[in-house]
Structure formats: structure tokens, C-alpha cells
Amino acid sequence: MSKKKRQQQEKPEEPLGDNWTNPFKDLNIKFEEPDPPPPPPPKPTFEEQHPTLTKEDRALIAAFGAEDDDAPSLSRADMTKKWPLLTITHERKGHGGKTVTLVKGLERLTTLEQMELCDGIKTSLGIGGRFMDGTLELQGDQRERAAKWLEGNKFRTKIC
């Protein structure tokens, strides 16, 4: 390295010193404190979240098979009704060579109950799954684990 370059590297940077003047010192700028954020709105009540359905809404729900007024409801709160017998099988055909566990016999559940059941079993078992035409499809061979979870949630199961 040359002597000039060494001298340039060894020089410490000079502070701004007295020659530097602030060009903004004559400006009188005042900052106002911002207004505090408004309090969060109150949580809506259950009635506000789920208003009564119109005839058109009921027709749409019926068209998509979400709820049937004639079918008995199988809510978990009502333990007097007999739960359906669920058949648990597995297959590979039609799934790209992947093993899929099928839980059949959930056609009588409403769409909301199917969604809650699917979310619960997927979260508990740590797997993926979906509902297709009243059949719950779970990724992998999960027959024993799914049967144990469903029996813990008051379903009757049969592994095939």
C-alpha cells in the first residue's frame, strides 16, 4: 500500500465543529401530540352476527345442501340422539398414489357441523383433510388415530 493511502486511512473523521450551522434553526416548528386512538368498538352480540335469514338465503342454503329442515340435527349438546355409525377406510386410487383415509357416514350433519368436525380433527391430529360429498378425507393412513379421536367425540366408528 502506498504512503498516501496509509495516511488517508489513519486520519480520523473530523467532527462537524463550529463551522457547521443548522439551516433549520430559525424555523419555529411545533409538533402537536396526536389524538389518542379511539377505543375499540364493542363486540357484536350473537344476534348481530347471525341475523335471521331471508327466504332467498334459505333457498340458497337448501340448494347447496347446507341444511335440511326435515333431517334430524346432530348437535353435540343433544346427547339423546344416537350418533351414526361411521365407516373408516383408506384408499390410494384416484389420489395420485397418495394414501387417503375416508370417513363415511357424515351426510346427516349440517355444513357448519361438518366444518367444525373437519377443523377439530385436522387440528388435533396435525394433518390435512377436507369434506367431499359428506365424506371426510384425511391425508395419510390415519384410521386408528381418526377412530380414537371420533370415539372421544361421541361418534361410533368401524374400521374397515
C-alpha atoms as a PDB file:
ATOM      1  CA  MET A   1       0.000   0.000   0.000  1.00  0.00           C
ATOM      2  CA  SER A   2       1.302   3.444  -0.788  1.00  0.00           C
ATOM      3  CA  LYS A   3       2.219   6.034   1.805  1.00  0.00           C
ATOM      4  CA  LYS A   4      -0.577   8.365   0.699  1.00  0.00           C
ATOM      5  CA  LYS A   5      -3.259   5.733   1.139  1.00  0.00           C
ATOM      6  CA  ARG A   6      -1.982   4.833   4.627  1.00  0.00           C
ATOM      7  CA  GLN A   7      -2.133   8.468   5.736  1.00  0.00           C
ATOM      8  CA  GLN A   8      -5.670   8.808   4.424  1.00  0.00           C
ATOM      9  CA  GLN A   9      -6.775   5.692   6.296  1.00  0.00           C
ATOM     10  CA  GLU A  10      -5.165   6.756   9.581  1.00  0.00           C
ATOM     11  CA  LYS A  11      -6.863  10.177   9.669  1.00  0.00           C
ATOM     12  CA  PRO A  12      -9.864  10.099  11.946  1.00  0.00           C
ATOM     13  CA  GLU A  13     -13.029  11.754  10.703  1.00  0.00           C
ATOM     14  CA  GLU A  14     -13.373  15.307  11.957  1.00  0.00           C
ATOM     15  CA  PRO A  15     -16.473  16.223  13.909  1.00  0.00           C
ATOM     16  CA  LEU A  16     -18.733  18.844  12.403  1.00  0.00           C
ATOM     17  CA  GLY A  17     -17.274  21.556  14.664  1.00  0.00           C
ATOM     18  CA  ASP A  18     -18.065  25.261  14.773  1.00  0.00           C
ATOM     19  CA  ASN A  19     -18.134  25.805  11.020  1.00  0.00           C
ATOM     20  CA  TRP A  20     -21.293  23.814  10.599  1.00  0.00           C
ATOM     21  CA  THR A  21     -24.588  25.676  11.020  1.00  0.00           C
ATOM     22  CA  ASN A  22     -28.032  24.244  11.180  1.00  0.00           C
ATOM     23  CA  PRO A  23     -30.055  25.647   8.273  1.00  0.00           C
ATOM     24  CA  PHE A  24     -33.309  24.908  10.116  1.00  0.00           C
ATOM     25  CA  LYS A  25     -32.574  26.650  13.431  1.00  0.00           C
ATOM     26  CA  ASP A  26     -34.573  29.764  12.507  1.00  0.00           C
ATOM     27  CA  LEU A  27     -37.695  27.803  11.699  1.00  0.00           C
ATOM     28  CA  ASN A  28     -40.219  27.629  14.512  1.00  0.00           C
ATOM     29  CA  ILE A  29     -41.822  24.240  14.037  1.00  0.00           C
ATOM     30  CA  LYS A  30     -44.151  22.962  16.716  1.00  0.00           C
ATOM     31  CA  PHE A  31     -45.329  19.404  16.783  1.00  0.00           C
ATOM     32  CA  GLU A  32     -48.753  18.674  18.195  1.00  0.00           C
ATOM     33  CA  GLU A  33     -49.389  15.474  20.070  1.00  0.00           C
ATOM     34  CA  PRO A  34     -51.601  13.164  18.031  1.00  0.00           C
ATOM     35  CA  ASP A  35     -55.047  12.381  19.336  1.00  0.00           C
ATOM     36  CA  PRO A  36     -55.239   9.111  21.251  1.00  0.00           C
ATOM     37  CA  PRO A  37     -56.728   6.272  19.220  1.00  0.00           C
ATOM     38  CA  PRO A  38     -60.443   5.734  19.701  1.00  0.00           C
ATOM     39  CA  PRO A  39     -61.463   2.857  21.942  1.00  0.00           C
ATOM     40  CA  PRO A  40     -62.230  -0.379  20.090  1.00  0.00           C
ATOM     41  CA  PRO A  41     -65.866  -0.849  19.168  1.00  0.00           C
ATOM     42  CA  PRO A  42     -67.861  -3.216  21.360  1.00  0.00           C
ATOM     43  CA  LYS A  43     -68.043  -6.808  20.220  1.00  0.00           C
ATOM     44  CA  PRO A  44     -71.233  -7.582  18.306  1.00  0.00           C
ATOM     45  CA  THR A  45     -73.758  -9.781  20.005  1.00  0.00           C
ATOM     46  CA  PHE A  46     -74.693 -13.187  18.667  1.00  0.00           C
ATOM     47  CA  GLU A  47     -77.921 -11.799  17.201  1.00  0.00           C
ATOM     48  CA  GLU A  48     -75.987  -9.121  15.329  1.00  0.00           C
ATOM     49  CA  GLN A  49     -73.547 -11.676  13.951  1.00  0.00           C
ATOM     50  CA  HIS A  50     -76.273 -14.072  12.812  1.00  0.00           C
ATOM     51  CA  PRO A  51     -79.326 -12.148  11.679  1.00  0.00           C
ATOM     52  CA  THR A  52     -82.424 -14.079  10.688  1.00  0.00           C
ATOM     53  CA  LEU A  53     -82.204 -15.474   7.211  1.00  0.00           C
ATOM     54  CA  THR A  54     -84.402 -14.262   4.397  1.00  0.00           C
ATOM     55  CA  LYS A  55     -86.319 -16.605   2.116  1.00  0.00           C
ATOM     56  CA  GLU A  56     -83.680 -16.145  -0.581  1.00  0.00           C
ATOM     57  CA  ASP A  57     -80.903 -17.077   1.850  1.00  0.00           C
ATOM     58  CA  ARG A  58     -82.800 -20.183   2.950  1.00  0.00           C
ATOM     59  CA  ALA A  59     -83.318 -21.162  -0.688  1.00  0.00           C
ATOM     60  CA  LEU A  60     -79.586 -20.797  -1.365  1.00  0.00           C
ATOM     61  CA  ILE A  61     -78.670 -22.854   1.685  1.00  0.00           C
ATOM     62  CA  ALA A  62     -81.143 -25.548   0.677  1.00  0.00           C
ATOM     63  CA  ALA A  63     -79.842 -25.511  -2.913  1.00  0.00           C
ATOM     64  CA  PHE A  64     -76.294 -26.126  -1.754  1.00  0.00           C
ATOM     65  CA  GLY A  65     -77.396 -28.816   0.702  1.00  0.00           C
ATOM     66  CA  ALA A  66     -76.175 -26.988   3.790  1.00  0.00           C
ATOM     67  CA  GLU A  67     -79.193 -27.621   5.989  1.00  0.00           C
ATOM     68  CA  ASP A  68     -82.311 -29.684   5.653  1.00  0.00           C
ATOM     69  CA  ASP A  69     -85.182 -28.858   8.000  1.00  0.00           C
ATOM     70  CA  ASP A  70     -86.513 -32.437   7.800  1.00  0.00           C
ATOM     71  CA  ALA A  71     -83.190 -34.050   8.751  1.00  0.00           C
ATOM     72  CA  PRO A  72     -82.600 -34.511  12.472  1.00  0.00           C
ATOM     73  CA  SER A  73     -79.935 -32.256  13.885  1.00  0.00           C
ATOM     74  CA  LEU A  74     -76.942 -33.995  15.429  1.00  0.00           C
ATOM     75  CA  SER A  75     -75.574 -31.287  17.680  1.00  0.00           C
ATOM     76  CA  ARG A  76     -73.163 -32.362  20.397  1.00  0.00           C
ATOM     77  CA  ALA A  77     -75.285 -30.682  23.055  1.00  0.00           C
ATOM     78  CA  ASP A  78     -78.156 -33.092  22.407  1.00  0.00           C
ATOM     79  CA  MET A  79     -76.826 -36.432  23.635  1.00  0.00           C
ATOM     80  CA  THR A  80     -80.225 -38.157  23.472  1.00  0.00           C
ATOM     81  CA  LYS A  81     -79.949 -38.779  19.713  1.00  0.00           C
ATOM     82  CA  LYS A  82     -77.998 -41.750  18.514  1.00  0.00           C
ATOM     83  CA  TRP A  83     -74.917 -40.859  16.555  1.00  0.00           C
ATOM     84  CA  PRO A  84     -74.469 -42.507  13.176  1.00  0.00           C
ATOM     85  CA  LEU A  85     -72.041 -45.359  12.671  1.00  0.00           C
ATOM     86  CA  LEU A  86     -69.011 -44.042  10.833  1.00  0.00           C
ATOM     87  CA  THR A  87     -67.055 -46.301   8.497  1.00  0.00           C
ATOM     88  CA  ILE A  88     -63.329 -45.574   8.292  1.00  0.00           C
ATOM     89  CA  THR A  89     -61.430 -46.898   5.265  1.00  0.00           C
ATOM     90  CA  HIS A  90     -58.377 -45.947   3.262  1.00  0.00           C
ATOM     91  CA  GLU A  91     -57.577 -45.903  -0.442  1.00  0.00           C
ATOM     92  CA  ARG A  92     -54.911 -44.814  -2.913  1.00  0.00           C
ATOM     93  CA  LYS A  93     -56.796 -44.936  -6.177  1.00  0.00           C
ATOM     94  CA  GLY A  94     -57.602 -41.552  -7.694  1.00  0.00           C
ATOM     95  CA  HIS A  95     -55.385 -39.571  -5.339  1.00  0.00           C
ATOM     96  CA  GLY A  96     -52.125 -39.540  -7.280  1.00  0.00           C
ATOM     97  CA  GLY A  97     -50.720 -42.544  -5.436  1.00  0.00           C
ATOM     98  CA  LYS A  98     -51.181 -40.895  -2.041  1.00  0.00           C
ATOM     99  CA  THR A  99     -52.934 -42.760   0.756  1.00  0.00           C
ATOM    100  CA  VAL A 100     -56.149 -41.121   1.939  1.00  0.00           C
ATOM    101  CA  THR A 101     -58.302 -42.090   4.928  1.00  0.00           C
ATOM    102  CA  LEU A 102     -62.043 -41.855   4.237  1.00  0.00           C
ATOM    103  CA  VAL A 103     -64.628 -41.357   6.985  1.00  0.00           C
ATOM    104  CA  LYS A 104     -68.090 -42.163   5.607  1.00  0.00           C
ATOM    105  CA  GLY A 105     -71.471 -41.706   7.243  1.00  0.00           C
ATOM    106  CA  LEU A 106     -71.450 -37.969   7.989  1.00  0.00           C
ATOM    107  CA  GLU A 107     -74.073 -36.985   5.390  1.00  0.00           C
ATOM    108  CA  ARG A 108     -76.659 -36.129   8.059  1.00  0.00           C
ATOM    109  CA  LEU A 109     -74.513 -33.402   9.603  1.00  0.00           C
ATOM    110  CA  THR A 110     -75.152 -29.809   8.583  1.00  0.00           C
ATOM    111  CA  THR A 111     -72.461 -27.916   6.704  1.00  0.00           C
ATOM    112  CA  LEU A 112     -71.496 -25.952   9.804  1.00  0.00           C
ATOM    113  CA  GLU A 113     -71.159 -29.141  11.860  1.00  0.00           C
ATOM    114  CA  GLN A 114     -69.085 -30.731   9.080  1.00  0.00           C
ATOM    115  CA  MET A 115     -66.758 -27.719   9.013  1.00  0.00           C
ATOM    116  CA  GLU A 116     -66.344 -27.762  12.805  1.00  0.00           C
ATOM    117  CA  LEU A 117     -65.681 -31.506  12.789  1.00  0.00           C
ATOM    118  CA  CYS A 118     -63.135 -31.201   9.976  1.00  0.00           C
ATOM    119  CA  ASP A 119     -61.303 -28.311  11.686  1.00  0.00           C
ATOM    120  CA  GLY A 120     -61.259 -30.140  15.013  1.00  0.00           C
ATOM    121  CA  ILE A 121     -59.869 -33.412  13.700  1.00  0.00           C
ATOM    122  CA  LYS A 122     -57.288 -31.702  11.478  1.00  0.00           C
ATOM    123  CA  THR A 123     -56.031 -29.585  14.372  1.00  0.00           C
ATOM    124  CA  SER A 124     -55.948 -32.451  16.853  1.00  0.00           C
ATOM    125  CA  LEU A 125     -54.208 -34.927  14.562  1.00  0.00           C
ATOM    126  CA  GLY A 126     -51.979 -32.365  12.828  1.00  0.00           C
ATOM    127  CA  ILE A 127     -52.929 -33.465   9.317  1.00  0.00           C
ATOM    128  CA  GLY A 128     -54.720 -32.090   6.275  1.00  0.00           C
ATOM    129  CA  GLY A 129     -58.205 -33.005   5.237  1.00  0.00           C
ATOM    130  CA  ARG A 130     -61.434 -31.909   3.590  1.00  0.00           C
ATOM    131  CA  PHE A 131     -65.101 -32.782   3.200  1.00  0.00           C
ATOM    132  CA  MET A 132     -66.232 -34.071  -0.185  1.00  0.00           C
ATOM    133  CA  ASP A 133     -69.895 -35.036  -0.634  1.00  0.00           C
ATOM    134  CA  GLY A 134     -70.443 -35.946   3.007  1.00  0.00           C
ATOM    135  CA  THR A 135     -67.195 -37.922   3.205  1.00  0.00           C
ATOM    136  CA  LEU A 136     -64.288 -36.711   5.294  1.00  0.00           C
ATOM    137  CA  GLU A 137     -60.940 -37.228   3.530  1.00  0.00           C
ATOM    138  CA  LEU A 138     -57.810 -37.183   5.703  1.00  0.00           C
ATOM    139  CA  GLN A 139     -54.266 -37.247   4.362  1.00  0.00           C
ATOM    140  CA  GLY A 140     -52.353 -40.443   5.049  1.00  0.00           C
ATOM    141  CA  ASP A 141     -53.339 -43.710   6.697  1.00  0.00           C
ATOM    142  CA  GLN A 142     -54.934 -42.303   9.857  1.00  0.00           C
ATOM    143  CA  ARG A 143     -57.549 -44.985  10.524  1.00  0.00           C
ATOM    144  CA  GLU A 144     -56.661 -45.786  14.138  1.00  0.00           C
ATOM    145  CA  ARG A 145     -55.939 -42.188  15.139  1.00  0.00           C
ATOM    146  CA  ALA A 146     -59.124 -40.888  13.486  1.00  0.00           C
ATOM    147  CA  ALA A 147     -61.230 -43.632  15.095  1.00  0.00           C
ATOM    148  CA  LYS A 148     -59.815 -42.824  18.531  1.00  0.00           C
ATOM    149  CA  TRP A 149     -60.491 -39.089  18.076  1.00  0.00           C
ATOM    150  CA  LEU A 150     -64.025 -39.647  16.772  1.00  0.00           C
ATOM    151  CA  GLU A 151     -64.863 -42.044  19.617  1.00  0.00           C
ATOM    152  CA  GLY A 152     -63.596 -39.426  22.060  1.00  0.00           C
ATOM    153  CA  ASN A 153     -66.122 -37.038  20.484  1.00  0.00           C
ATOM    154  CA  LYS A 154     -69.060 -39.450  20.962  1.00  0.00           C
ATOM    155  CA  PHE A 155     -69.145 -40.976  17.472  1.00  0.00           C
ATOM    156  CA  ARG A 156     -69.447 -44.718  16.848  1.00  0.00           C
ATOM    157  CA  THR A 157     -66.786 -45.989  14.460  1.00  0.00           C
ATOM    158  CA  LYS A 158     -65.989 -49.100  12.476  1.00  0.00           C
ATOM    159  CA  ILE A 159     -62.572 -49.569  10.842  1.00  0.00           C
ATOM    160  CA  CYS A 160     -62.644 -51.476   7.545  1.00  0.00           C
END
